[in-house]
């Protein structure tokens, strides 16, 4: 287990944001998807379609295998017709 004080800071840079944004746009066939860097945190970016907030993309660089995780909460009120 890595102790918190020895853990390397992981950040999402502008290049990551562009690559992940392009991937999401292609995957979901929607050019309105955009990623926005967070002001107070650099370990993740916010995902929007237009002005609608969808979720957060964070980076995982554990064991040298860099990957990105997309987390989206779906509220029960969003499921109503």
PDB file of N, CA and C in Angstrom:
ATOM      1  N   UNK A   1       0.845  -1.179   0.000  1.00  0.00           N
ATOM      2  CA  UNK A   1       0.000   0.000   0.000  1.00  0.00           C
ATOM      3  C   UNK A   1       0.886   1.236   0.000  1.00  0.00           C
ATOM      4  N   UNK A   2       0.540   2.216  -0.837  1.00  0.00           N
ATOM      5  CA  UNK A   2       1.308   3.446  -0.920  1.00  0.00           C
ATOM      6  C   UNK A   2       0.802   4.414   0.133  1.00  0.00           C
ATOM      7  N   UNK A   3       1.718   4.951   0.892  1.00  0.00           N
ATOM      8  CA  UNK A   3       1.330   5.918   1.909  1.00  0.00           C
ATOM      9  C   UNK A   3       0.946   7.228   1.237  1.00  0.00           C
ATOM     10  N   UNK A   4      -0.084   7.929   1.739  1.00  0.00           N
ATOM     11  CA  UNK A   4      -0.555   9.158   1.101  1.00  0.00           C
ATOM     12  C   UNK A   4       0.537  10.191   0.873  1.00  0.00           C
ATOM     13  N   UNK A   5       1.474  10.320   1.803  1.00  0.00           N
ATOM     14  CA  UNK A   5       2.508  11.336   1.652  1.00  0.00           C
ATOM     15  C   UNK A   5       3.532  10.988   0.582  1.00  0.00           C
ATOM     16  N   UNK A   6       3.575   9.734   0.132  1.00  0.00           N
ATOM     17  CA  UNK A   6       4.515   9.348  -0.918  1.00  0.00           C
ATOM     18  C   UNK A   6       3.826   9.144  -2.265  1.00  0.00           C
ATOM     19  N   UNK A   7       2.512   9.284  -2.304  1.00  0.00           N
ATOM     20  CA  UNK A   7       1.764   9.096  -3.539  1.00  0.00           C
ATOM     21  C   UNK A   7       2.024  10.269  -4.481  1.00  0.00           C
ATOM     22  N   UNK A   8       2.315   9.961  -5.742  1.00  0.00           N
ATOM     23  CA  UNK A   8       2.578  10.988  -6.735  1.00  0.00           C
ATOM     24  C   UNK A   8       1.265  11.655  -7.151  1.00  0.00           C
ATOM     25  N   UNK A   9       1.279  12.985  -7.254  1.00  0.00           N
ATOM     26  CA  UNK A   9       0.098  13.711  -7.689  1.00  0.00           C
ATOM     27  C   UNK A   9      -0.203  13.377  -9.150  1.00  0.00           C
ATOM     28  N   UNK A  10      -1.455  13.102  -9.437  1.00  0.00           N
ATOM     29  CA  UNK A  10      -1.884  12.766 -10.784  1.00  0.00           C
ATOM     30  C   UNK A  10      -2.772  13.901 -11.271  1.00  0.00           C
ATOM     31  N   UNK A  11      -2.465  14.416 -12.447  1.00  0.00           N
ATOM     32  CA  UNK A  11      -3.281  15.510 -12.958  1.00  0.00           C
ATOM     33  C   UNK A  11      -3.749  15.224 -14.377  1.00  0.00           C
ATOM     34  N   UNK A  12      -4.878  15.831 -14.711  1.00  0.00           N
ATOM     35  CA  UNK A  12      -5.413  15.778 -16.057  1.00  0.00           C
ATOM     36  C   UNK A  12      -4.947  17.058 -16.741  1.00  0.00           C
ATOM     37  N   UNK A  13      -4.131  16.921 -17.790  1.00  0.00           N
ATOM     38  CA  UNK A  13      -3.629  18.111 -18.470  1.00  0.00           C
ATOM     39  C   UNK A  13      -4.482  18.424 -19.703  1.00  0.00           C
ATOM     40  N   UNK A  14      -4.157  19.524 -20.367  1.00  0.00           N
ATOM     41  CA  UNK A  14      -4.948  19.964 -21.523  1.00  0.00           C
ATOM     42  C   UNK A  14      -4.954  18.919 -22.638  1.00  0.00           C
ATOM     43  N   UNK A  15      -3.829  18.258 -22.867  1.00  0.00           N
ATOM     44  CA  UNK A  15      -3.755  17.211 -23.887  1.00  0.00           C
ATOM     45  C   UNK A  15      -4.700  16.064 -23.557  1.00  0.00           C
ATOM     46  N   UNK A  16      -4.729  15.651 -22.276  1.00  0.00           N
ATOM     47  CA  UNK A  16      -5.651  14.596 -21.835  1.00  0.00           C
ATOM     48  C   UNK A  16      -7.097  15.002 -22.090  1.00  0.00           C
ATOM     49  N   UNK A  17      -7.421  16.244 -21.749  1.00  0.00           N
ATOM     50  CA  UNK A  17      -8.793  16.738 -21.901  1.00  0.00           C
ATOM     51  C   UNK A  17      -9.223  16.667 -23.355  1.00  0.00           C
ATOM     52  N   UNK A  18      -8.367  17.105 -24.264  1.00  0.00           N
ATOM     53  CA  UNK A  18      -8.701  17.077 -25.694  1.00  0.00           C
ATOM     54  C   UNK A  18      -8.873  15.638 -26.181  1.00  0.00           C
ATOM     55  N   UNK A  19      -7.970  14.747 -25.792  1.00  0.00           N
ATOM     56  CA  UNK A  19      -8.049  13.354 -26.232  1.00  0.00           C
ATOM     57  C   UNK A  19      -9.309  12.666 -25.721  1.00  0.00           C
ATOM     58  N   UNK A  20      -9.619  12.849 -24.444  1.00  0.00           N
ATOM     59  CA  UNK A  20     -10.799  12.199 -23.864  1.00  0.00           C
ATOM     60  C   UNK A  20     -12.070  12.812 -24.453  1.00  0.00           C
ATOM     61  N   UNK A  21     -12.091  14.132 -24.626  1.00  0.00           N
ATOM     62  CA  UNK A  21     -13.246  14.793 -25.237  1.00  0.00           C
ATOM     63  C   UNK A  21     -13.491  14.248 -26.649  1.00  0.00           C
ATOM     64  N   UNK A  22     -12.443  14.141 -27.447  1.00  0.00           N
ATOM     65  CA  UNK A  22     -12.586  13.596 -28.803  1.00  0.00           C
ATOM     66  C   UNK A  22     -13.096  12.154 -28.769  1.00  0.00           C
ATOM     67  N   UNK A  23     -12.579  11.368 -27.835  1.00  0.00           N
ATOM     68  CA  UNK A  23     -13.023   9.977 -27.698  1.00  0.00           C
ATOM     69  C   UNK A  23     -14.521   9.915 -27.368  1.00  0.00           C
ATOM     70  N   UNK A  24     -14.953  10.711 -26.391  1.00  0.00           N
ATOM     71  CA  UNK A  24     -16.366  10.700 -26.004  1.00  0.00           C
ATOM     72  C   UNK A  24     -17.253  11.178 -27.146  1.00  0.00           C
ATOM     73  N   UNK A  25     -16.819  12.198 -27.870  1.00  0.00           N
ATOM     74  CA  UNK A  25     -17.598  12.695 -29.014  1.00  0.00           C
ATOM     75  C   UNK A  25     -17.769  11.614 -30.073  1.00  0.00           C
ATOM     76  N   UNK A  26     -16.687  10.890 -30.378  1.00  0.00           N
ATOM     77  CA  UNK A  26     -16.763   9.816 -31.379  1.00  0.00           C
ATOM     78  C   UNK A  26     -17.630   8.658 -30.872  1.00  0.00           C
ATOM     79  N   UNK A  27     -17.413   8.258 -29.641  1.00  0.00           N
ATOM     80  CA  UNK A  27     -18.114   7.105 -29.065  1.00  0.00           C
ATOM     81  C   UNK A  27     -19.615   7.329 -28.991  1.00  0.00           C
ATOM     82  N   UNK A  28     -20.033   8.526 -28.593  1.00  0.00           N
ATOM     83  CA  UNK A  28     -21.454   8.820 -28.427  1.00  0.00           C
ATOM     84  C   UNK A  28     -22.032   9.616 -29.592  1.00  0.00           C
ATOM     85  N   UNK A  29     -21.235   9.810 -30.650  1.00  0.00           N
ATOM     86  CA  UNK A  29     -21.679  10.530 -31.850  1.00  0.00           C
ATOM     87  C   UNK A  29     -22.357  11.850 -31.489  1.00  0.00           C
ATOM     88  N   UNK A  30     -21.675  12.635 -30.655  1.00  0.00           N
ATOM     89  CA  UNK A  30     -22.246  13.899 -30.205  1.00  0.00           C
ATOM     90  C   UNK A  30     -21.132  14.938 -30.077  1.00  0.00           C
ATOM     91  N   UNK A  31     -21.111  15.879 -30.998  1.00  0.00           N
ATOM     92  CA  UNK A  31     -20.068  16.913 -30.978  1.00  0.00           C
ATOM     93  C   UNK A  31     -20.311  17.987 -29.928  1.00  0.00           C
ATOM     94  N   UNK A  32     -21.432  17.920 -29.229  1.00  0.00           N
ATOM     95  CA  UNK A  32     -21.723  18.892 -28.167  1.00  0.00           C
ATOM     96  C   UNK A  32     -21.099  18.524 -26.833  1.00  0.00           C
ATOM     97  N   UNK A  33     -20.497  17.339 -26.744  1.00  0.00           N
ATOM     98  CA  UNK A  33     -19.824  16.930 -25.507  1.00  0.00           C
ATOM     99  C   UNK A  33     -18.558  17.759 -25.360  1.00  0.00           C
ATOM    100  N   UNK A  34     -18.357  18.283 -24.165  1.00  0.00           N
ATOM    101  CA  UNK A  34     -17.129  19.044 -23.913  1.00  0.00           C
ATOM    102  C   UNK A  34     -16.620  18.761 -22.507  1.00  0.00           C
ATOM    103  N   UNK A  35     -15.312  18.750 -22.387  1.00  0.00           N
ATOM    104  CA  UNK A  35     -14.673  18.590 -21.088  1.00  0.00           C
ATOM    105  C   UNK A  35     -14.110  19.938 -20.669  1.00  0.00           C
ATOM    106  N   UNK A  36     -14.255  20.233 -19.396  1.00  0.00           N
ATOM    107  CA  UNK A  36     -13.808  21.512 -18.850  1.00  0.00           C
ATOM    108  C   UNK A  36     -12.916  21.232 -17.645  1.00  0.00           C
ATOM    109  N   UNK A  37     -11.740  21.835 -17.651  1.00  0.00           N
ATOM    110  CA  UNK A  37     -10.839  21.691 -16.502  1.00  0.00           C
ATOM    111  C   UNK A  37     -11.508  22.272 -15.267  1.00  0.00           C
ATOM    112  N   UNK A  38     -11.276  21.656 -14.135  1.00  0.00           N
ATOM    113  CA  UNK A  38     -11.846  22.132 -12.871  1.00  0.00           C
ATOM    114  C   UNK A  38     -10.930  23.197 -12.291  1.00  0.00           C
ATOM    115  N   UNK A  39     -11.505  24.209 -11.688  1.00  0.00           N
ATOM    116  CA  UNK A  39     -10.717  25.329 -11.173  1.00  0.00           C
ATOM    117  C   UNK A  39      -9.874  24.969  -9.958  1.00  0.00           C
ATOM    118  N   UNK A  40     -10.435  24.216  -9.041  1.00  0.00           N
ATOM    119  CA  UNK A  40      -9.738  23.949  -7.779  1.00  0.00           C
ATOM    120  C   UNK A  40      -9.115  22.560  -7.697  1.00  0.00           C
ATOM    121  N   UNK A  41      -9.363  21.725  -8.709  1.00  0.00           N
ATOM    122  CA  UNK A  41      -8.804  20.372  -8.708  1.00  0.00           C
ATOM    123  C   UNK A  41      -8.211  20.098 -10.074  1.00  0.00           C
ATOM    124  N   UNK A  42      -7.042  19.495 -10.101  1.00  0.00           N
ATOM    125  CA  UNK A  42      -6.437  19.184 -11.400  1.00  0.00           C
ATOM    126  C   UNK A  42      -6.381  17.680 -11.673  1.00  0.00           C
ATOM    127  N   UNK A  43      -7.051  16.898 -10.827  1.00  0.00           N
ATOM    128  CA  UNK A  43      -7.049  15.444 -11.017  1.00  0.00           C
ATOM    129  C   UNK A  43      -8.244  14.953 -11.817  1.00  0.00           C
ATOM    130  N   UNK A  44      -9.073  15.898 -12.297  1.00  0.00           N
ATOM    131  CA  UNK A  44     -10.273  15.521 -13.019  1.00  0.00           C
ATOM    132  C   UNK A  44     -10.769  16.686 -13.872  1.00  0.00           C
ATOM    133  N   UNK A  45     -11.727  16.381 -14.752  1.00  0.00           N
ATOM    134  CA  UNK A  45     -12.361  17.394 -15.592  1.00  0.00           C
ATOM    135  C   UNK A  45     -13.865  17.133 -15.597  1.00  0.00           C
ATOM    136  N   UNK A  46     -14.643  18.190 -15.761  1.00  0.00           N
ATOM    137  CA  UNK A  46     -16.092  18.058 -15.796  1.00  0.00           C
ATOM    138  C   UNK A  46     -16.552  17.801 -17.230  1.00  0.00           C
ATOM    139  N   UNK A  47     -17.605  16.999 -17.372  1.00  0.00           N
ATOM    140  CA  UNK A  47     -18.148  16.652 -18.683  1.00  0.00           C
ATOM    141  C   UNK A  47     -19.522  17.305 -18.836  1.00  0.00           C
ATOM    142  N   UNK A  48     -19.714  17.961 -19.972  1.00  0.00           N
ATOM    143  CA  UNK A  48     -20.972  18.645 -20.274  1.00  0.00           C
ATOM    144  C   UNK A  48     -21.452  18.244 -21.658  1.00  0.00           C
ATOM    145  N   UNK A  49     -22.768  18.302 -21.847  1.00  0.00           N
ATOM    146  CA  UNK A  49     -23.358  18.359 -23.180  1.00  0.00           C
ATOM    147  C   UNK A  49     -24.081  19.691 -23.205  1.00  0.00           C
ATOM    148  N   UNK A  50     -23.597  20.587 -24.032  1.00  0.00           N
ATOM    149  CA  UNK A  50     -24.099  21.953 -23.995  1.00  0.00           C
ATOM    150  C   UNK A  50     -23.808  22.532 -22.623  1.00  0.00           C
ATOM    151  N   UNK A  51     -24.836  23.011 -21.958  1.00  0.00           N
ATOM    152  CA  UNK A  51     -24.680  23.562 -20.604  1.00  0.00           C
ATOM    153  C   UNK A  51     -25.039  22.559 -19.515  1.00  0.00           C
ATOM    154  N   UNK A  52     -25.483  21.367 -19.908  1.00  0.00           N
ATOM    155  CA  UNK A  52     -25.915  20.335 -18.958  1.00  0.00           C
ATOM    156  C   UNK A  52     -24.714  19.557 -18.426  1.00  0.00           C
ATOM    157  N   UNK A  53     -24.516  19.613 -17.110  1.00  0.00           N
ATOM    158  CA  UNK A  53     -23.439  18.862 -16.461  1.00  0.00           C
ATOM    159  C   UNK A  53     -23.793  17.381 -16.455  1.00  0.00           C
ATOM    160  N   UNK A  54     -22.850  16.549 -16.932  1.00  0.00           N
ATOM    161  CA  UNK A  54     -23.083  15.101 -16.964  1.00  0.00           C
ATOM    162  C   UNK A  54     -22.338  14.352 -15.876  1.00  0.00           C
ATOM    163  N   UNK A  55     -21.080  14.718 -15.666  1.00  0.00           N
ATOM    164  CA  UNK A  55     -20.277  13.972 -14.719  1.00  0.00           C
ATOM    165  C   UNK A  55     -18.842  14.431 -14.716  1.00  0.00           C
ATOM    166  N   UNK A  56     -17.974  13.555 -14.241  1.00  0.00           N
ATOM    167  CA  UNK A  56     -16.565  13.891 -14.056  1.00  0.00           C
ATOM    168  C   UNK A  56     -15.693  12.785 -14.633  1.00  0.00           C
ATOM    169  N   UNK A  57     -14.641  13.192 -15.324  1.00  0.00           N
ATOM    170  CA  UNK A  57     -13.620  12.256 -15.794  1.00  0.00           C
ATOM    171  C   UNK A  57     -12.397  12.444 -14.916  1.00  0.00           C
ATOM    172  N   UNK A  58     -11.903  11.358 -14.350  1.00  0.00           N
ATOM    173  CA  UNK A  58     -10.689  11.419 -13.526  1.00  0.00           C
ATOM    174  C   UNK A  58      -9.643  10.491 -14.118  1.00  0.00           C
ATOM    175  N   UNK A  59      -8.400  10.766 -13.772  1.00  0.00           N
ATOM    176  CA  UNK A  59      -7.293   9.981 -14.310  1.00  0.00           C
ATOM    177  C   UNK A  59      -6.831   8.977 -13.260  1.00  0.00           C
ATOM    178  N   UNK A  60      -6.444   7.801 -13.740  1.00  0.00           N
ATOM    179  CA  UNK A  60      -5.886   6.763 -12.877  1.00  0.00           C
ATOM    180  C   UNK A  60      -4.559   6.349 -13.502  1.00  0.00           C
ATOM    181  N   UNK A  61      -3.483   6.577 -12.784  1.00  0.00           N
ATOM    182  CA  UNK A  61      -2.144   6.298 -13.310  1.00  0.00           C
ATOM    183  C   UNK A  61      -1.436   5.258 -12.446  1.00  0.00           C
ATOM    184  N   UNK A  62      -2.223   4.390 -11.823  1.00  0.00           N
ATOM    185  CA  UNK A  62      -1.671   3.375 -10.935  1.00  0.00           C
ATOM    186  C   UNK A  62      -0.871   2.345 -11.722  1.00  0.00           C
ATOM    187  N   UNK A  63       0.252   1.979 -11.210  1.00  0.00           N
ATOM    188  CA  UNK A  63       1.122   0.962 -11.804  1.00  0.00           C
ATOM    189  C   UNK A  63       1.555   1.298 -13.229  1.00  0.00           C
ATOM    190  N   UNK A  64       1.566   2.594 -13.586  1.00  0.00           N
ATOM    191  CA  UNK A  64       2.025   3.011 -14.905  1.00  0.00           C
ATOM    192  C   UNK A  64       1.036   2.780 -16.024  1.00  0.00           C
ATOM    193  N   UNK A  65      -0.144   2.245 -15.715  1.00  0.00           N
ATOM    194  CA  UNK A  65      -1.188   2.041 -16.727  1.00  0.00           C
ATOM    195  C   UNK A  65      -2.171   3.196 -16.630  1.00  0.00           C
ATOM    196  N   UNK A  66      -1.984   4.200 -17.475  1.00  0.00           N
ATOM    197  CA  UNK A  66      -2.824   5.401 -17.432  1.00  0.00           C
ATOM    198  C   UNK A  66      -4.192   5.104 -18.042  1.00  0.00           C
ATOM    199  N   UNK A  67      -5.244   5.422 -17.294  1.00  0.00           N
ATOM    200  CA  UNK A  67      -6.607   5.261 -17.791  1.00  0.00           C
ATOM    201  C   UNK A  67      -7.460   6.394 -17.246  1.00  0.00           C
ATOM    202  N   UNK A  68      -8.639   6.525 -17.815  1.00  0.00           N
ATOM    203  CA  UNK A  68      -9.545   7.594 -17.414  1.00  0.00           C
ATOM    204  C   UNK A  68     -10.873   6.975 -17.026  1.00  0.00           C
ATOM    205  N   UNK A  69     -11.460   7.476 -15.951  1.00  0.00           N
ATOM    206  CA  UNK A  69     -12.725   6.966 -15.440  1.00  0.00           C
ATOM    207  C   UNK A  69     -13.785   8.047 -15.555  1.00  0.00           C
ATOM    208  N   UNK A  70     -14.918   7.699 -16.146  1.00  0.00           N
ATOM    209  CA  UNK A  70     -16.030   8.628 -16.292  1.00  0.00           C
ATOM    210  C   UNK A  70     -17.107   8.244 -15.293  1.00  0.00           C
ATOM    211  N   UNK A  71     -17.457   9.160 -14.397  1.00  0.00           N
ATOM    212  CA  UNK A  71     -18.486   8.910 -13.385  1.00  0.00           C
ATOM    213  C   UNK A  71     -19.667   9.848 -13.633  1.00  0.00           C
ATOM    214  N   UNK A  72     -20.852   9.251 -13.724  1.00  0.00           N
ATOM    215  CA  UNK A  72     -22.066  10.018 -13.987  1.00  0.00           C
ATOM    216  C   UNK A  72     -23.158   9.554 -13.042  1.00  0.00           C
ATOM    217  N   UNK A  73     -23.719  10.474 -12.297  1.00  0.00           N
ATOM    218  CA  UNK A  73     -24.831  10.149 -11.412  1.00  0.00           C
ATOM    219  C   UNK A  73     -26.144  10.381 -12.154  1.00  0.00           C
ATOM    220  N   UNK A  74     -27.080   9.460 -12.011  1.00  0.00           N
ATOM    221  CA  UNK A  74     -28.405   9.608 -12.613  1.00  0.00           C
ATOM    222  C   UNK A  74     -29.417   9.698 -11.472  1.00  0.00           C
ATOM    223  N   UNK A  75     -30.032  10.855 -11.366  1.00  0.00           N
ATOM    224  CA  UNK A  75     -31.015  11.069 -10.306  1.00  0.00           C
ATOM    225  C   UNK A  75     -32.362  10.474 -10.689  1.00  0.00           C
ATOM    226  N   UNK A  76     -33.117  10.045  -9.690  1.00  0.00           N
ATOM    227  CA  UNK A  76     -34.408   9.445  -9.984  1.00  0.00           C
ATOM    228  C   UNK A  76     -35.354  10.443 -10.657  1.00  0.00           C
ATOM    229  N   UNK A  77     -35.212  11.730 -10.359  1.00  0.00           N
ATOM    230  CA  UNK A  77     -36.089  12.727 -10.997  1.00  0.00           C
ATOM    231  C   UNK A  77     -35.759  12.860 -12.491  1.00  0.00           C
ATOM    232  N   UNK A  78     -34.532  12.506 -12.890  1.00  0.00           N
ATOM    233  CA  UNK A  78     -34.164  12.542 -14.306  1.00  0.00           C
ATOM    234  C   UNK A  78     -34.817  11.398 -15.088  1.00  0.00           C
ATOM    235  N   UNK A  79     -35.259  10.373 -14.396  1.00  0.00           N
ATOM    236  CA  UNK A  79     -35.852   9.204 -15.050  1.00  0.00           C
ATOM    237  C   UNK A  79     -37.348   9.359 -15.291  1.00  0.00           C
ATOM    238  N   UNK A  80     -37.938  10.388 -14.706  1.00  0.00           N
ATOM    239  CA  UNK A  80     -39.379  10.603 -14.872  1.00  0.00           C
ATOM    240  C   UNK A  80     -39.663  11.096 -16.284  1.00  0.00           C
ATOM    241  N   UNK A  81     -40.814  10.659 -16.825  1.00  0.00           N
ATOM    242  CA  UNK A  81     -41.212  11.078 -18.179  1.00  0.00           C
ATOM    243  C   UNK A  81     -41.755  12.490 -18.184  1.00  0.00           C
TER     244      UNK A  81
END
